[in-house]
Amino acid sequence: MLLEADLPDDVDGLRALVLEQSRALADLTDAKGKADARIERLQAIIEAFQRHRFGRKSEQLDPDQFELALEDIETALGSAQAARDAAVPKARGERPRKTNRGALPAHLERQVIEYHYLQGLLFADIATLLGLSRGRVSQIHSSALFRLRKSLAKFR
């Protein structure tokens, strides 16, 4: 990532920098396109194997042979996806989603309320920030409002 101090002062230097960045972007786009095409091809092969396994003539293929071929293809698919992910740089702040997070943090309700009412963010944006689904953010929002109403009822 370039900082303002790293930028050249002359127009020719800036033009060369922009051209270099556009070439790098074109290379990354091309690599991503190739990886996506390979992934689609491998997924089509997997689907064909599954159709063959569960179709009318599925008795023709030995189950062990099928599992071996499917395992090889899934391995190739995983490596193609990993290569694609490695070729495309992640956006700042973008992290892979965790599968098991355990209990939610205690301050999550407060964050949802602050993001929604003080910063004016939509539930979809809050979900992206917190790594949750939009529905889960809505549930947290509802429970936070319920708790606030309950707390305020004591003071009436």
N, C-alpha and C. Protein backbone atom coordinates (compact mmCIF):
# COMPACT_ATOMS: atom_id res chain seq x y z
N MET A 1 0.85 -1.18 0.00
CA MET A 1 0.00 0.00 0.00
C MET A 1 0.89 1.23 0.00
N LEU A 2 0.55 2.16 -0.85
CA LEU A 2 1.34 3.37 -0.97
C LEU A 2 0.89 4.41 0.04
N LEU A 3 1.86 5.09 0.59
CA LEU A 3 1.57 6.21 1.47
C LEU A 3 1.75 7.50 0.69
N GLU A 4 1.23 8.57 1.20
CA GLU A 4 1.34 9.85 0.50
C GLU A 4 2.80 10.24 0.32
N ALA A 5 3.64 9.88 1.28
CA ALA A 5 5.06 10.22 1.19
C ALA A 5 5.76 9.43 0.09
N ASP A 6 5.21 8.28 -0.30
CA ASP A 6 5.82 7.44 -1.33
C ASP A 6 5.48 7.90 -2.74
N LEU A 7 4.52 8.78 -2.89
CA LEU A 7 4.09 9.21 -4.22
C LEU A 7 5.09 10.19 -4.82
N PRO A 8 5.37 10.04 -6.11
CA PRO A 8 6.29 11.00 -6.76
C PRO A 8 5.60 12.34 -6.97
N ASP A 9 6.41 13.39 -7.08
CA ASP A 9 5.87 14.74 -7.25
C ASP A 9 5.64 15.09 -8.71
N ASP A 10 6.33 14.46 -9.63
CA ASP A 10 6.20 14.82 -11.04
C ASP A 10 5.11 14.00 -11.73
N VAL A 11 4.57 14.54 -12.79
CA VAL A 11 3.46 13.93 -13.51
C VAL A 11 3.89 12.62 -14.18
N ASP A 12 5.10 12.60 -14.75
CA ASP A 12 5.57 11.38 -15.42
C ASP A 12 5.72 10.23 -14.42
N GLY A 13 6.21 10.54 -13.27
CA GLY A 13 6.34 9.51 -12.23
C GLY A 13 4.99 8.98 -11.79
N LEU A 14 4.03 9.89 -11.63
CA LEU A 14 2.66 9.47 -11.27
C LEU A 14 2.03 8.62 -12.37
N ARG A 15 2.25 9.02 -13.62
CA ARG A 15 1.69 8.27 -14.75
C ARG A 15 2.28 6.86 -14.78
N ALA A 16 3.59 6.74 -14.55
CA ALA A 16 4.24 5.43 -14.54
C ALA A 16 3.70 4.58 -13.39
N LEU A 17 3.48 5.20 -12.25
CA LEU A 17 2.94 4.49 -11.09
C LEU A 17 1.52 3.99 -11.36
N VAL A 18 0.70 4.81 -11.98
CA VAL A 18 -0.67 4.41 -12.31
C VAL A 18 -0.66 3.26 -13.32
N LEU A 19 0.21 3.36 -14.33
CA LEU A 19 0.30 2.28 -15.31
C LEU A 19 0.75 0.97 -14.67
N GLU A 20 1.70 1.05 -13.77
CA GLU A 20 2.18 -0.14 -13.07
C GLU A 20 1.07 -0.77 -12.23
N GLN A 21 0.31 0.08 -11.54
CA GLN A 21 -0.80 -0.43 -10.72
C GLN A 21 -1.89 -1.04 -11.59
N SER A 22 -2.17 -0.43 -12.72
CA SER A 22 -3.21 -0.98 -13.60
C SER A 22 -2.78 -2.31 -14.20
N ARG A 23 -1.49 -2.45 -14.52
CA ARG A 23 -0.98 -3.75 -15.02
C ARG A 23 -1.09 -4.82 -13.93
N ALA A 24 -0.74 -4.44 -12.72
CA ALA A 24 -0.84 -5.40 -11.61
C ALA A 24 -2.29 -5.81 -11.38
N LEU A 25 -3.20 -4.86 -11.47
CA LEU A 25 -4.62 -5.17 -11.32
C LEU A 25 -5.11 -6.07 -12.44
N ALA A 26 -4.66 -5.81 -13.66
CA ALA A 26 -5.05 -6.65 -14.79
C ALA A 26 -4.52 -8.07 -14.62
N ASP A 27 -3.29 -8.20 -14.13
CA ASP A 27 -2.72 -9.53 -13.88
C ASP A 27 -3.52 -10.28 -12.82
N LEU A 28 -3.87 -9.58 -11.74
CA LEU A 28 -4.66 -10.21 -10.69
C LEU A 28 -6.04 -10.61 -11.19
N THR A 29 -6.66 -9.76 -11.98
CA THR A 29 -7.97 -10.06 -12.53
C THR A 29 -7.90 -11.27 -13.45
N ASP A 30 -6.84 -11.34 -14.26
CA ASP A 30 -6.66 -12.48 -15.15
C ASP A 30 -6.44 -13.77 -14.36
N ALA A 31 -5.62 -13.71 -13.32
CA ALA A 31 -5.37 -14.89 -12.49
C ALA A 31 -6.64 -15.34 -11.79
N LYS A 32 -7.42 -14.39 -11.31
CA LYS A 32 -8.69 -14.74 -10.65
C LYS A 32 -9.65 -15.38 -11.65
N GLY A 33 -9.70 -14.84 -12.86
CA GLY A 33 -10.58 -15.40 -13.88
C GLY A 33 -10.21 -16.84 -14.23
N LYS A 34 -8.90 -17.09 -14.35
CA LYS A 34 -8.44 -18.45 -14.65
C LYS A 34 -8.77 -19.40 -13.49
N ALA A 35 -8.55 -18.93 -12.29
CA ALA A 35 -8.84 -19.77 -11.12
C ALA A 35 -10.34 -20.05 -11.02
N ASP A 36 -11.16 -19.05 -11.28
CA ASP A 36 -12.62 -19.25 -11.25
C ASP A 36 -13.05 -20.26 -12.30
N ALA A 37 -12.46 -20.17 -13.50
CA ALA A 37 -12.80 -21.12 -14.56
C ALA A 37 -12.41 -22.54 -14.17
N ARG A 38 -11.25 -22.69 -13.56
CA ARG A 38 -10.80 -24.02 -13.14
C ARG A 38 -11.71 -24.57 -12.04
N ILE A 39 -12.10 -23.72 -11.12
CA ILE A 39 -13.01 -24.14 -10.04
C ILE A 39 -14.35 -24.57 -10.62
N GLU A 40 -14.88 -23.80 -11.56
CA GLU A 40 -16.15 -24.18 -12.18
C GLU A 40 -16.03 -25.53 -12.90
N ARG A 41 -14.91 -25.74 -13.59
CA ARG A 41 -14.71 -27.01 -14.30
C ARG A 41 -14.65 -28.17 -13.32
N LEU A 42 -13.94 -27.99 -12.21
CA LEU A 42 -13.84 -29.06 -11.21
C LEU A 42 -15.19 -29.31 -10.54
N GLN A 43 -15.95 -28.25 -10.29
CA GLN A 43 -17.27 -28.45 -9.71
C GLN A 43 -18.20 -29.19 -10.67
N ALA A 44 -18.06 -28.92 -11.96
CA ALA A 44 -18.87 -29.64 -12.95
C ALA A 44 -18.49 -31.12 -12.98
N ILE A 45 -17.21 -31.41 -12.82
CA ILE A 45 -16.77 -32.80 -12.78
C ILE A 45 -17.34 -33.51 -11.55
N ILE A 46 -17.32 -32.83 -10.42
CA ILE A 46 -17.88 -33.40 -9.19
C ILE A 46 -19.37 -33.67 -9.37
N GLU A 47 -20.08 -32.72 -9.94
CA GLU A 47 -21.51 -32.91 -10.17
C GLU A 47 -21.77 -34.07 -11.12
N ALA A 48 -20.93 -34.22 -12.15
CA ALA A 48 -21.10 -35.34 -13.07
C ALA A 48 -20.87 -36.67 -12.36
N PHE A 49 -19.86 -36.73 -11.51
CA PHE A 49 -19.62 -37.94 -10.73
C PHE A 49 -20.80 -38.25 -9.81
N GLN A 50 -21.33 -37.23 -9.18
CA GLN A 50 -22.46 -37.45 -8.28
C GLN A 50 -23.69 -37.90 -9.05
N ARG A 51 -23.92 -37.32 -10.23
CA ARG A 51 -25.03 -37.78 -11.06
C ARG A 51 -24.83 -39.23 -11.46
N HIS A 52 -23.58 -39.58 -11.78
CA HIS A 52 -23.28 -40.95 -12.16
C HIS A 52 -23.48 -41.90 -10.99
N ARG A 53 -23.12 -41.43 -9.81
CA ARG A 53 -23.27 -42.28 -8.62
C ARG A 53 -24.73 -42.50 -8.27
N PHE A 54 -25.53 -41.45 -8.36
CA PHE A 54 -26.92 -41.54 -7.94
C PHE A 54 -27.91 -41.66 -9.09
N GLY A 55 -27.42 -41.75 -10.31
CA GLY A 55 -28.29 -41.84 -11.48
C GLY A 55 -28.78 -43.25 -11.74
N ARG A 56 -29.43 -43.45 -12.91
CA ARG A 56 -30.00 -44.74 -13.27
C ARG A 56 -28.95 -45.84 -13.35
N LYS A 57 -27.79 -45.51 -13.88
CA LYS A 57 -26.78 -46.53 -14.13
C LYS A 57 -25.65 -46.45 -13.11
N SER A 58 -25.98 -46.15 -11.88
CA SER A 58 -24.95 -45.95 -10.87
C SER A 58 -24.24 -47.24 -10.50
N GLU A 59 -24.80 -48.40 -10.87
CA GLU A 59 -24.18 -49.67 -10.51
C GLU A 59 -22.89 -49.92 -11.31
N GLN A 60 -22.65 -49.15 -12.34
CA GLN A 60 -21.49 -49.37 -13.19
C GLN A 60 -20.18 -49.00 -12.52
N LEU A 61 -20.20 -48.06 -11.62
CA LEU A 61 -18.98 -47.57 -11.00
C LEU A 61 -18.83 -48.17 -9.60
N ASP A 62 -17.66 -48.75 -9.34
CA ASP A 62 -17.36 -49.31 -8.04
C ASP A 62 -17.33 -48.17 -7.01
N PRO A 63 -17.96 -48.33 -5.85
CA PRO A 63 -18.00 -47.24 -4.85
C PRO A 63 -16.61 -46.78 -4.41
N ASP A 64 -15.66 -47.70 -4.30
CA ASP A 64 -14.30 -47.31 -3.90
C ASP A 64 -13.65 -46.44 -4.98
N GLN A 65 -13.86 -46.80 -6.23
CA GLN A 65 -13.32 -46.02 -7.34
C GLN A 65 -13.93 -44.62 -7.35
N PHE A 66 -15.22 -44.57 -7.10
CA PHE A 66 -15.91 -43.29 -7.08
C PHE A 66 -15.35 -42.39 -5.98
N GLU A 67 -15.21 -42.94 -4.79
CA GLU A 67 -14.69 -42.15 -3.66
C GLU A 67 -13.27 -41.66 -3.93
N LEU A 68 -12.45 -42.51 -4.54
CA LEU A 68 -11.08 -42.14 -4.85
C LEU A 68 -11.05 -40.98 -5.86
N ALA A 69 -11.85 -41.09 -6.91
CA ALA A 69 -11.88 -40.04 -7.92
C ALA A 69 -12.45 -38.75 -7.33
N LEU A 70 -13.49 -38.88 -6.54
CA LEU A 70 -14.10 -37.70 -5.92
C LEU A 70 -13.13 -37.02 -4.96
N GLU A 71 -12.37 -37.80 -4.22
CA GLU A 71 -11.39 -37.24 -3.30
C GLU A 71 -10.31 -36.47 -4.05
N ASP A 72 -9.82 -37.02 -5.16
CA ASP A 72 -8.80 -36.34 -5.97
C ASP A 72 -9.33 -35.01 -6.52
N ILE A 73 -10.56 -35.04 -6.99
CA ILE A 73 -11.14 -33.83 -7.56
C ILE A 73 -11.37 -32.78 -6.48
N GLU A 74 -11.86 -33.20 -5.33
CA GLU A 74 -12.08 -32.25 -4.24
C GLU A 74 -10.76 -31.65 -3.76
N THR A 75 -9.70 -32.44 -3.76
CA THR A 75 -8.38 -31.92 -3.40
C THR A 75 -7.93 -30.88 -4.41
N ALA A 76 -8.12 -31.17 -5.69
CA ALA A 76 -7.76 -30.20 -6.73
C ALA A 76 -8.60 -28.94 -6.61
N LEU A 77 -9.89 -29.10 -6.29
CA LEU A 77 -10.77 -27.96 -6.13
C LEU A 77 -10.30 -27.09 -4.95
N GLY A 78 -9.95 -27.72 -3.85
CA GLY A 78 -9.46 -26.97 -2.69
C GLY A 78 -8.17 -26.22 -2.99
N SER A 79 -7.26 -26.85 -3.71
CA SER A 79 -6.01 -26.17 -4.04
C SER A 79 -6.25 -25.03 -5.02
N ALA A 80 -7.21 -25.20 -5.94
CA ALA A 80 -7.52 -24.11 -6.87
C ALA A 80 -8.14 -22.93 -6.14
N GLN A 81 -9.02 -23.22 -5.19
CA GLN A 81 -9.62 -22.14 -4.41
C GLN A 81 -8.58 -21.44 -3.55
N ALA A 82 -7.66 -22.19 -2.97
CA ALA A 82 -6.61 -21.58 -2.16
C ALA A 82 -5.70 -20.72 -3.02
N ALA A 83 -5.39 -21.19 -4.24
CA ALA A 83 -4.54 -20.40 -5.14
C ALA A 83 -5.25 -19.12 -5.54
N ARG A 84 -6.55 -19.20 -5.79
CA ARG A 84 -7.31 -18.01 -6.16
C ARG A 84 -7.33 -17.02 -5.00
N ASP A 85 -7.57 -17.51 -3.81
CA ASP A 85 -7.61 -16.64 -2.65
C ASP A 85 -6.26 -16.01 -2.37
N ALA A 86 -5.18 -16.74 -2.63
CA ALA A 86 -3.84 -16.20 -2.41
C ALA A 86 -3.50 -15.17 -3.47
N ALA A 87 -4.01 -15.33 -4.69
CA ALA A 87 -3.69 -14.41 -5.77
C ALA A 87 -4.41 -13.08 -5.62
N VAL A 88 -5.60 -13.09 -5.05
CA VAL A 88 -6.39 -11.88 -4.90
C VAL A 88 -6.15 -11.33 -3.49
N PRO A 89 -5.60 -10.12 -3.40
CA PRO A 89 -5.34 -9.56 -2.07
C PRO A 89 -6.65 -9.25 -1.36
N LYS A 90 -6.67 -9.49 -0.07
CA LYS A 90 -7.87 -9.25 0.74
C LYS A 90 -8.00 -7.75 0.99
N ALA A 91 -9.24 -7.30 1.06
CA ALA A 91 -9.51 -5.91 1.39
C ALA A 91 -9.12 -5.68 2.85
N ARG A 92 -8.84 -4.46 3.17
CA ARG A 92 -8.43 -4.13 4.53
C ARG A 92 -9.57 -4.44 5.49
N GLY A 93 -9.27 -5.15 6.55
CA GLY A 93 -10.26 -5.49 7.55
C GLY A 93 -11.08 -6.72 7.21
N GLU A 94 -10.90 -7.29 6.03
CA GLU A 94 -11.68 -8.47 5.66
C GLU A 94 -10.99 -9.71 6.21
N ARG A 95 -11.74 -10.49 6.96
CA ARG A 95 -11.19 -11.69 7.57
C ARG A 95 -12.07 -12.87 7.20
N PRO A 96 -11.48 -14.05 7.15
CA PRO A 96 -12.33 -15.22 6.91
C PRO A 96 -13.26 -15.45 8.09
N ARG A 97 -14.42 -15.96 7.80
CA ARG A 97 -15.41 -16.17 8.84
C ARG A 97 -15.07 -17.41 9.66
N LYS A 98 -15.17 -17.29 10.97
CA LYS A 98 -14.89 -18.42 11.86
C LYS A 98 -16.12 -19.29 11.95
N THR A 99 -15.91 -20.59 12.06
CA THR A 99 -17.04 -21.50 12.09
C THR A 99 -17.66 -21.61 13.47
N ASN A 100 -16.86 -21.74 14.51
CA ASN A 100 -17.40 -21.87 15.86
C ASN A 100 -16.81 -20.77 16.71
N ARG A 101 -17.62 -19.84 17.08
CA ARG A 101 -17.12 -18.69 17.83
C ARG A 101 -17.37 -18.80 19.32
N GLY A 102 -18.17 -19.73 19.74
CA GLY A 102 -18.50 -19.83 21.15
C GLY A 102 -19.52 -18.77 21.52
N ALA A 103 -19.48 -18.29 22.74
CA ALA A 103 -20.44 -17.29 23.21
C ALA A 103 -20.13 -15.93 22.61
N LEU A 104 -21.17 -15.15 22.40
CA LEU A 104 -20.99 -13.80 21.88
C LEU A 104 -20.48 -12.89 22.99
N PRO A 105 -19.72 -11.84 22.64
CA PRO A 105 -19.21 -10.92 23.66
C PRO A 105 -20.36 -10.18 24.34
N ALA A 106 -20.15 -9.82 25.58
CA ALA A 106 -21.19 -9.15 26.36
C ALA A 106 -21.50 -7.76 25.82
N HIS A 107 -20.55 -7.12 25.20
CA HIS A 107 -20.74 -5.75 24.72
C HIS A 107 -21.35 -5.69 23.31
N LEU A 108 -21.76 -6.82 22.75
CA LEU A 108 -22.27 -6.87 21.39
C LEU A 108 -23.57 -6.08 21.22
N GLU A 109 -24.45 -6.16 22.20
CA GLU A 109 -25.70 -5.40 22.12
C GLU A 109 -25.43 -3.90 22.06
N ARG A 110 -24.49 -3.48 22.88
CA ARG A 110 -24.13 -2.06 22.89
C ARG A 110 -23.57 -1.63 21.54
N GLN A 111 -22.72 -2.46 20.96
CA GLN A 111 -22.14 -2.13 19.65
C GLN A 111 -23.22 -2.03 18.58
N VAL A 112 -24.17 -2.96 18.59
CA VAL A 112 -25.24 -2.93 17.59
C VAL A 112 -26.06 -1.65 17.74
N ILE A 113 -26.40 -1.29 18.96
CA ILE A 113 -27.19 -0.08 19.19
C ILE A 113 -26.41 1.17 18.76
N GLU A 114 -25.14 1.23 19.11
CA GLU A 114 -24.32 2.39 18.73
C GLU A 114 -24.17 2.50 17.22
N TYR A 115 -23.86 1.37 16.57
CA TYR A 115 -23.71 1.40 15.11
C TYR A 115 -25.01 1.82 14.44
N HIS A 116 -26.14 1.29 14.92
CA HIS A 116 -27.41 1.54 14.25
C HIS A 116 -27.94 2.95 14.50
N TYR A 117 -27.94 3.39 15.75
CA TYR A 117 -28.56 4.66 16.07
C TYR A 117 -27.59 5.85 16.06
N LEU A 118 -26.36 5.64 16.51
CA LEU A 118 -25.43 6.77 16.57
C LEU A 118 -24.70 6.98 15.25
N GLN A 119 -24.35 5.87 14.57
CA GLN A 119 -23.62 5.99 13.31
C GLN A 119 -24.52 5.83 12.09
N GLY A 120 -25.77 5.41 12.31
CA GLY A 120 -26.72 5.31 11.22
C GLY A 120 -26.48 4.17 10.25
N LEU A 121 -25.83 3.10 10.70
CA LEU A 121 -25.55 1.97 9.82
C LEU A 121 -26.76 1.05 9.70
N LEU A 122 -26.90 0.41 8.56
CA LEU A 122 -27.94 -0.58 8.36
C LEU A 122 -27.53 -1.91 8.98
N PHE A 123 -28.50 -2.79 9.22
CA PHE A 123 -28.20 -4.08 9.82
C PHE A 123 -27.23 -4.88 8.95
N ALA A 124 -27.36 -4.79 7.65
CA ALA A 124 -26.46 -5.52 6.76
C ALA A 124 -25.01 -5.04 6.93
N ASP A 125 -24.84 -3.72 7.08
CA ASP A 125 -23.49 -3.17 7.28
C ASP A 125 -22.93 -3.58 8.64
N ILE A 126 -23.77 -3.57 9.66
CA ILE A 126 -23.35 -3.98 11.00
C ILE A 126 -22.96 -5.45 10.97
N ALA A 127 -23.75 -6.26 10.26
CA ALA A 127 -23.45 -7.69 10.15
C ALA A 127 -22.09 -7.91 9.52
N THR A 128 -21.78 -7.14 8.50
CA THR A 128 -20.47 -7.27 7.85
C THR A 128 -19.35 -6.88 8.81
N LEU A 129 -19.55 -5.80 9.54
CA LEU A 129 -18.53 -5.35 10.49
C LEU A 129 -18.26 -6.38 11.59
N LEU A 130 -19.34 -6.97 12.10
CA LEU A 130 -19.21 -7.87 13.24
C LEU A 130 -19.04 -9.33 12.83
N GLY A 131 -19.17 -9.63 11.54
CA GLY A 131 -19.01 -11.00 11.08
C GLY A 131 -20.20 -11.88 11.43
N LEU A 132 -21.39 -11.29 11.49
CA LEU A 132 -22.61 -12.02 11.81
C LEU A 132 -23.56 -11.94 10.63
N SER A 133 -24.64 -12.69 10.71
CA SER A 133 -25.66 -12.58 9.68
C SER A 133 -26.57 -11.39 9.99
N ARG A 134 -27.28 -10.91 8.97
CA ARG A 134 -28.18 -9.79 9.15
C ARG A 134 -29.29 -10.16 10.13
N GLY A 135 -29.77 -11.38 10.05
CA GLY A 135 -30.82 -11.84 10.96
C GLY A 135 -30.36 -11.86 12.40
N ARG A 136 -29.10 -12.27 12.61
CA ARG A 136 -28.57 -12.31 13.98
C ARG A 136 -28.44 -10.90 14.54
N VAL A 137 -28.02 -9.95 13.70
CA VAL A 137 -27.92 -8.56 14.15
C VAL A 137 -29.30 -8.05 14.52
N SER A 138 -30.31 -8.42 13.76
CA SER A 138 -31.68 -8.01 14.08
C SER A 138 -32.13 -8.60 15.41
N GLN A 139 -31.78 -9.84 15.67
CA GLN A 139 -32.13 -10.46 16.96
C GLN A 139 -31.43 -9.75 18.12
N ILE A 140 -30.17 -9.45 17.95
CA ILE A 140 -29.41 -8.76 19.00
C ILE A 140 -30.02 -7.38 19.24
N HIS A 141 -30.38 -6.69 18.16
CA HIS A 141 -31.00 -5.38 18.26
C HIS A 141 -32.31 -5.46 19.05
N SER A 142 -33.14 -6.43 18.73
CA SER A 142 -34.43 -6.59 19.42
C SER A 142 -34.23 -6.88 20.90
N SER A 143 -33.30 -7.77 21.20
CA SER A 143 -33.07 -8.09 22.61
C SER A 143 -32.49 -6.90 23.37
N ALA A 144 -31.66 -6.10 22.71
CA ALA A 144 -31.09 -4.92 23.36
C ALA A 144 -32.19 -3.91 23.66
N LEU A 145 -33.10 -3.70 22.69
CA LEU A 145 -34.21 -2.78 22.93
C LEU A 145 -35.11 -3.28 24.05
N PHE A 146 -35.34 -4.58 24.09
CA PHE A 146 -36.16 -5.15 25.17
C PHE A 146 -35.51 -4.89 26.52
N ARG A 147 -34.20 -5.11 26.61
CA ARG A 147 -33.50 -4.88 27.87
C ARG A 147 -33.52 -3.40 28.26
N LEU A 148 -33.38 -2.51 27.25
CA LEU A 148 -33.44 -1.08 27.54
C LEU A 148 -34.81 -0.67 28.06
N ARG A 149 -35.86 -1.16 27.42
CA ARG A 149 -37.22 -0.86 27.87
C ARG A 149 -37.44 -1.37 29.30
N LYS A 150 -36.97 -2.54 29.55
CA LYS A 150 -37.11 -3.15 30.88
C LYS A 150 -36.37 -2.31 31.93
N SER A 151 -35.18 -1.84 31.58
CA SER A 151 -34.41 -1.03 32.51
C SER A 151 -35.05 0.32 32.75
N LEU A 152 -35.60 0.92 31.69
CA LEU A 152 -36.23 2.24 31.81
C LEU A 152 -37.55 2.17 32.56
N ALA A 153 -38.20 1.02 32.53
CA ALA A 153 -39.48 0.86 33.23
C ALA A 153 -39.31 1.01 34.73
N LYS A 154 -38.13 0.70 35.24
CA LYS A 154 -37.87 0.82 36.69
C LYS A 154 -37.90 2.28 37.13
N PHE A 155 -37.58 3.21 36.24
CA PHE A 155 -37.46 4.61 36.59
C PHE A 155 -38.75 5.38 36.39
N ARG A 156 -39.80 4.76 35.92
CA ARG A 156 -41.07 5.47 35.70
C ARG A 156 -41.90 5.52 36.93
